[in-house]
Amino acid sequence: MNMKSIYRYRKAWSFPERTEEFLKTKLTGKILHICCGASNLGDIRLDIEKQPEQKTEGFLIGDMYNLPFRNNSFDSAFIDPAWNIPYHKRMKFCYEIRDKIKLNGLLILNAPFIPKIKCCILKEVYYGERSFYMANVSLISIYQKVQSQFNF
């Protein structure tokens, strides 16, 4: 099936330079950036469509619900998902990403919600200073994976 004939996408945006610089101070080791849009932040970047500004090296087309990586492969993972994801689908991608992070690795989420992620502890939360009145607020939540999801 040719998905381009079914869906049409708007040009993706990239983070303001100040936000990318902040994220660089938090991300360590081998970095996975999911829903990367036009950003070139991260060693491996994944999105559903490649943007013209996106470097080819390190970029993959993929789905945040079915990541094509082995578990415990990354030191840090960052995701900036679509903000209108239905409530009942939010945890699926959080757990999918958590599984790809090594023990003691970081999961950084930019979204208007702060989920409780099993096997991770919430270390820090930052909010966007350019948030508009009566609109969604950009929250950057930083989690650390403290337990393997396979411990019984």
C-alpha atoms as a PDB file:
ATOM      1  CA  MET A   1       0.000   0.000   0.000  1.00  0.00           C
ATOM      2  CA  ASN A   2       1.335   3.445  -0.931  1.00  0.00           C
ATOM      3  CA  MET A   3       0.577   5.559   2.144  1.00  0.00           C
ATOM      4  CA  LYS A   4       1.516   8.783   0.372  1.00  0.00           C
ATOM      5  CA  SER A   5      -1.570   8.402  -1.792  1.00  0.00           C
ATOM      6  CA  ILE A   6      -3.759   8.194   1.324  1.00  0.00           C
ATOM      7  CA  TYR A   7      -2.275  10.801   3.675  1.00  0.00           C
ATOM      8  CA  ARG A   8      -1.145  14.379   3.223  1.00  0.00           C
ATOM      9  CA  TYR A   9       1.154  16.023   5.731  1.00  0.00           C
ATOM     10  CA  ARG A  10       2.092  19.583   6.476  1.00  0.00           C
ATOM     11  CA  LYS A  11       5.708  20.626   6.584  1.00  0.00           C
ATOM     12  CA  ALA A  12       7.071  19.651   9.968  1.00  0.00           C
ATOM     13  CA  TRP A  13       8.617  22.197  12.226  1.00  0.00           C
ATOM     14  CA  SER A  14      11.793  21.963  14.248  1.00  0.00           C
ATOM     15  CA  PHE A  15      12.403  23.112  17.797  1.00  0.00           C
ATOM     16  CA  PRO A  16      13.542  26.649  18.426  1.00  0.00           C
ATOM     17  CA  GLU A  17      17.336  26.744  18.682  1.00  0.00           C
ATOM     18  CA  ARG A  18      17.139  27.462  22.421  1.00  0.00           C
ATOM     19  CA  THR A  19      15.086  24.296  23.021  1.00  0.00           C
ATOM     20  CA  GLU A  20      17.479  22.133  20.982  1.00  0.00           C
ATOM     21  CA  GLU A  21      20.442  23.535  22.943  1.00  0.00           C
ATOM     22  CA  PHE A  22      18.646  22.709  26.214  1.00  0.00           C
ATOM     23  CA  LEU A  23      17.915  19.154  25.048  1.00  0.00           C
ATOM     24  CA  LYS A  24      21.552  18.616  24.060  1.00  0.00           C
ATOM     25  CA  THR A  25      22.525  19.241  27.707  1.00  0.00           C
ATOM     26  CA  LYS A  26      20.157  16.487  28.882  1.00  0.00           C
ATOM     27  CA  LEU A  27      20.624  13.774  26.236  1.00  0.00           C
ATOM     28  CA  THR A  28      23.630  11.472  26.605  1.00  0.00           C
ATOM     29  CA  GLY A  29      25.215   8.489  24.859  1.00  0.00           C
ATOM     30  CA  LYS A  30      23.485   6.875  21.893  1.00  0.00           C
ATOM     31  CA  ILE A  31      20.350   8.986  21.268  1.00  0.00           C
ATOM     32  CA  LEU A  32      17.064   7.967  19.620  1.00  0.00           C
ATOM     33  CA  HIS A  33      14.794  10.834  18.480  1.00  0.00           C
ATOM     34  CA  ILE A  34      11.252   9.731  17.669  1.00  0.00           C
ATOM     35  CA  CYS A  35       8.767  11.991  15.832  1.00  0.00           C
ATOM     36  CA  CYS A  36      11.761  14.112  14.850  1.00  0.00           C
ATOM     37  CA  GLY A  37      10.093  16.226  12.147  1.00  0.00           C
ATOM     38  CA  ALA A  38      12.749  18.486  10.619  1.00  0.00           C
ATOM     39  CA  SER A  39      15.093  18.228  13.629  1.00  0.00           C
ATOM     40  CA  ASN A  40      18.516  16.636  13.191  1.00  0.00           C
ATOM     41  CA  LEU A  41      18.958  16.081  16.935  1.00  0.00           C
ATOM     42  CA  GLY A  42      19.975  12.504  17.805  1.00  0.00           C
ATOM     43  CA  ASP A  43      22.096   9.666  16.446  1.00  0.00           C
ATOM     44  CA  ILE A  44      19.043   7.838  15.080  1.00  0.00           C
ATOM     45  CA  ARG A  45      16.006   9.878  14.048  1.00  0.00           C
ATOM     46  CA  LEU A  46      12.655   8.343  13.186  1.00  0.00           C
ATOM     47  CA  ASP A  47       9.430   9.783  11.780  1.00  0.00           C
ATOM     48  CA  ILE A  48       6.583   8.746   9.487  1.00  0.00           C
ATOM     49  CA  GLU A  49       7.889  10.925   6.650  1.00  0.00           C
ATOM     50  CA  LYS A  50      11.257  12.490   5.777  1.00  0.00           C
ATOM     51  CA  GLN A  51      11.379  16.274   5.666  1.00  0.00           C
ATOM     52  CA  PRO A  52      13.616  18.051   3.101  1.00  0.00           C
ATOM     53  CA  GLU A  53      15.672  19.597   5.943  1.00  0.00           C
ATOM     54  CA  GLN A  54      16.295  16.170   7.490  1.00  0.00           C
ATOM     55  CA  LYS A  55      19.751  14.658   6.977  1.00  0.00           C
ATOM     56  CA  THR A  56      19.594  11.215   5.356  1.00  0.00           C
ATOM     57  CA  GLU A  57      22.313   9.684   7.534  1.00  0.00           C
ATOM     58  CA  GLY A  58      20.745   8.339  10.729  1.00  0.00           C
ATOM     59  CA  PHE A  59      17.139   8.896   9.566  1.00  0.00           C
ATOM     60  CA  LEU A  60      14.554   6.111   9.337  1.00  0.00           C
ATOM     61  CA  ILE A  61      10.906   6.096   8.357  1.00  0.00           C
ATOM     62  CA  GLY A  62       8.936   4.331  11.062  1.00  0.00           C
ATOM     63  CA  ASP A  63       6.121   4.165  13.565  1.00  0.00           C
ATOM     64  CA  MET A  64       6.410   5.223  17.235  1.00  0.00           C
ATOM     65  CA  TYR A  65       4.132   2.342  18.251  1.00  0.00           C
ATOM     66  CA  ASN A  66       6.366  -0.318  16.631  1.00  0.00           C
ATOM     67  CA  LEU A  67       9.979   0.777  16.861  1.00  0.00           C
ATOM     68  CA  PRO A  68      12.375  -1.288  14.699  1.00  0.00           C
ATOM     69  CA  PHE A  69      15.087  -1.575  17.375  1.00  0.00           C
ATOM     70  CA  ARG A  70      16.148  -4.191  19.914  1.00  0.00           C
ATOM     71  CA  ASN A  71      15.295  -3.557  23.554  1.00  0.00           C
ATOM     72  CA  ASN A  72      17.928  -1.808  25.690  1.00  0.00           C
ATOM     73  CA  SER A  73      19.677  -0.310  22.637  1.00  0.00           C
ATOM     74  CA  PHE A  74      19.813   3.411  23.529  1.00  0.00           C
ATOM     75  CA  ASP A  75      21.195   5.539  26.357  1.00  0.00           C
ATOM     76  CA  SER A  76      18.647   8.307  25.772  1.00  0.00           C
ATOM     77  CA  ALA A  77      15.420   8.642  23.827  1.00  0.00           C
ATOM     78  CA  PHE A  78      13.495  11.784  23.019  1.00  0.00           C
ATOM     79  CA  ILE A  79       9.990  12.049  21.612  1.00  0.00           C
ATOM     80  CA  ASP A  80       7.825  14.984  20.603  1.00  0.00           C
ATOM     81  CA  PRO A  81       4.583  13.230  19.604  1.00  0.00           C
ATOM     82  CA  ALA A  82       1.518  14.802  18.072  1.00  0.00           C
ATOM     83  CA  TRP A  83      -0.253  16.513  20.956  1.00  0.00           C
ATOM     84  CA  ASN A  84      -3.722  15.328  19.994  1.00  0.00           C
ATOM     85  CA  ILE A  85      -3.047  11.615  20.590  1.00  0.00           C
ATOM     86  CA  PRO A  86      -6.129  10.074  22.236  1.00  0.00           C
ATOM     87  CA  TYR A  87      -5.684   9.351  25.932  1.00  0.00           C
ATOM     88  CA  HIS A  88      -6.055   5.595  25.493  1.00  0.00           C
ATOM     89  CA  LYS A  89      -3.092   5.444  23.042  1.00  0.00           C
ATOM     90  CA  ARG A  90      -0.560   7.504  25.007  1.00  0.00           C
ATOM     91  CA  MET A  91       0.910   4.769  27.185  1.00  0.00           C
ATOM     92  CA  LYS A  92       1.553   2.372  24.286  1.00  0.00           C
ATOM     93  CA  PHE A  93       4.231   4.576  22.731  1.00  0.00           C
ATOM     94  CA  CYS A  94       5.662   5.464  26.164  1.00  0.00           C
ATOM     95  CA  TYR A  95       6.202   1.776  26.949  1.00  0.00           C
ATOM     96  CA  GLU A  96       7.523   1.057  23.460  1.00  0.00           C
ATOM     97  CA  ILE A  97      10.187   3.751  23.912  1.00  0.00           C
ATOM     98  CA  ARG A  98      10.935   2.736  27.510  1.00  0.00           C
ATOM     99  CA  ASP A  99      11.739  -0.768  26.299  1.00  0.00           C
ATOM    100  CA  LYS A 100      14.377   0.550  23.874  1.00  0.00           C
ATOM    101  CA  ILE A 101      16.277   2.444  26.599  1.00  0.00           C
ATOM    102  CA  LYS A 102      19.064   0.842  28.614  1.00  0.00           C
ATOM    103  CA  LEU A 103      18.808   0.563  32.394  1.00  0.00           C
ATOM    104  CA  ASN A 104      19.511   4.006  33.947  1.00  0.00           C
ATOM    105  CA  GLY A 105      18.922   5.604  30.530  1.00  0.00           C
ATOM    106  CA  LEU A 106      16.770   8.702  29.977  1.00  0.00           C
ATOM    107  CA  LEU A 107      13.414   9.067  28.269  1.00  0.00           C
ATOM    108  CA  ILE A 108      12.566  12.688  27.475  1.00  0.00           C
ATOM    109  CA  LEU A 109       8.998  13.510  26.474  1.00  0.00           C
ATOM    110  CA  ASN A 110       7.773  16.834  25.099  1.00  0.00           C
ATOM    111  CA  ALA A 111       3.987  16.809  25.427  1.00  0.00           C
ATOM    112  CA  PRO A 112       1.099  18.562  27.213  1.00  0.00           C
ATOM    113  CA  PHE A 113       0.750  15.607  29.621  1.00  0.00           C
ATOM    114  CA  ILE A 114       2.977  13.875  32.192  1.00  0.00           C
ATOM    115  CA  PRO A 115       2.375  10.106  32.230  1.00  0.00           C
ATOM    116  CA  LYS A 116       3.393   7.689  34.969  1.00  0.00           C
ATOM    117  CA  ILE A 117       5.684   5.208  33.206  1.00  0.00           C
ATOM    118  CA  LYS A 118       6.251   1.859  34.917  1.00  0.00           C
ATOM    119  CA  CYS A 119       9.933   1.014  35.540  1.00  0.00           C
ATOM    120  CA  CYS A 120      10.850   4.722  35.241  1.00  0.00           C
ATOM    121  CA  ILE A 121      11.004   7.576  37.711  1.00  0.00           C
ATOM    122  CA  LEU A 122      10.166  11.158  36.820  1.00  0.00           C
ATOM    123  CA  LYS A 123      13.350  13.154  37.481  1.00  0.00           C
ATOM    124  CA  GLU A 124      12.554  16.652  36.186  1.00  0.00           C
ATOM    125  CA  VAL A 125       9.817  18.631  34.437  1.00  0.00           C
ATOM    126  CA  TYR A 126      10.303  21.861  32.491  1.00  0.00           C
ATOM    127  CA  TYR A 127       7.611  24.017  30.917  1.00  0.00           C
ATOM    128  CA  GLY A 128       7.743  26.142  27.784  1.00  0.00           C
ATOM    129  CA  GLU A 129       8.005  29.829  28.549  1.00  0.00           C
ATOM    130  CA  ARG A 130       6.296  30.818  25.301  1.00  0.00           C
ATOM    131  CA  SER A 131       3.061  29.000  26.089  1.00  0.00           C
ATOM    132  CA  PHE A 132      -0.066  30.894  25.185  1.00  0.00           C
ATOM    133  CA  TYR A 133      -2.995  31.629  27.464  1.00  0.00           C
ATOM    134  CA  MET A 134      -5.702  28.938  27.286  1.00  0.00           C
ATOM    135  CA  ALA A 135      -3.590  26.709  25.026  1.00  0.00           C
ATOM    136  CA  ASN A 136      -1.667  23.473  25.567  1.00  0.00           C
ATOM    137  CA  VAL A 137       1.506  24.002  27.553  1.00  0.00           C
ATOM    138  CA  SER A 138       4.769  22.471  26.368  1.00  0.00           C
ATOM    139  CA  LEU A 139       6.078  20.210  29.142  1.00  0.00           C
ATOM    140  CA  ILE A 140       9.440  18.495  28.857  1.00  0.00           C
ATOM    141  CA  SER A 141       9.420  15.530  31.235  1.00  0.00           C
ATOM    142  CA  ILE A 142      12.643  13.658  31.946  1.00  0.00           C
ATOM    143  CA  TYR A 143      12.399  10.056  33.148  1.00  0.00           C
ATOM    144  CA  GLN A 144      15.104   7.612  34.175  1.00  0.00           C
ATOM    145  CA  LYS A 145      14.648   3.906  33.601  1.00  0.00           C
ATOM    146  CA  VAL A 146      15.349   2.287  36.973  1.00  0.00           C
ATOM    147  CA  GLN A 147      14.146  -1.261  36.415  1.00  0.00           C
ATOM    148  CA  SER A 148      14.029  -3.672  33.523  1.00  0.00           C
ATOM    149  CA  GLN A 149      10.490  -4.255  32.327  1.00  0.00           C
ATOM    150  CA  PHE A 150      11.236  -7.987  32.406  1.00  0.00           C
ATOM    151  CA  ASN A 151      12.035  -8.257  36.141  1.00  0.00           C
ATOM    152  CA  PHE A 152       9.463 -10.384  37.926  1.00  0.00           C
END
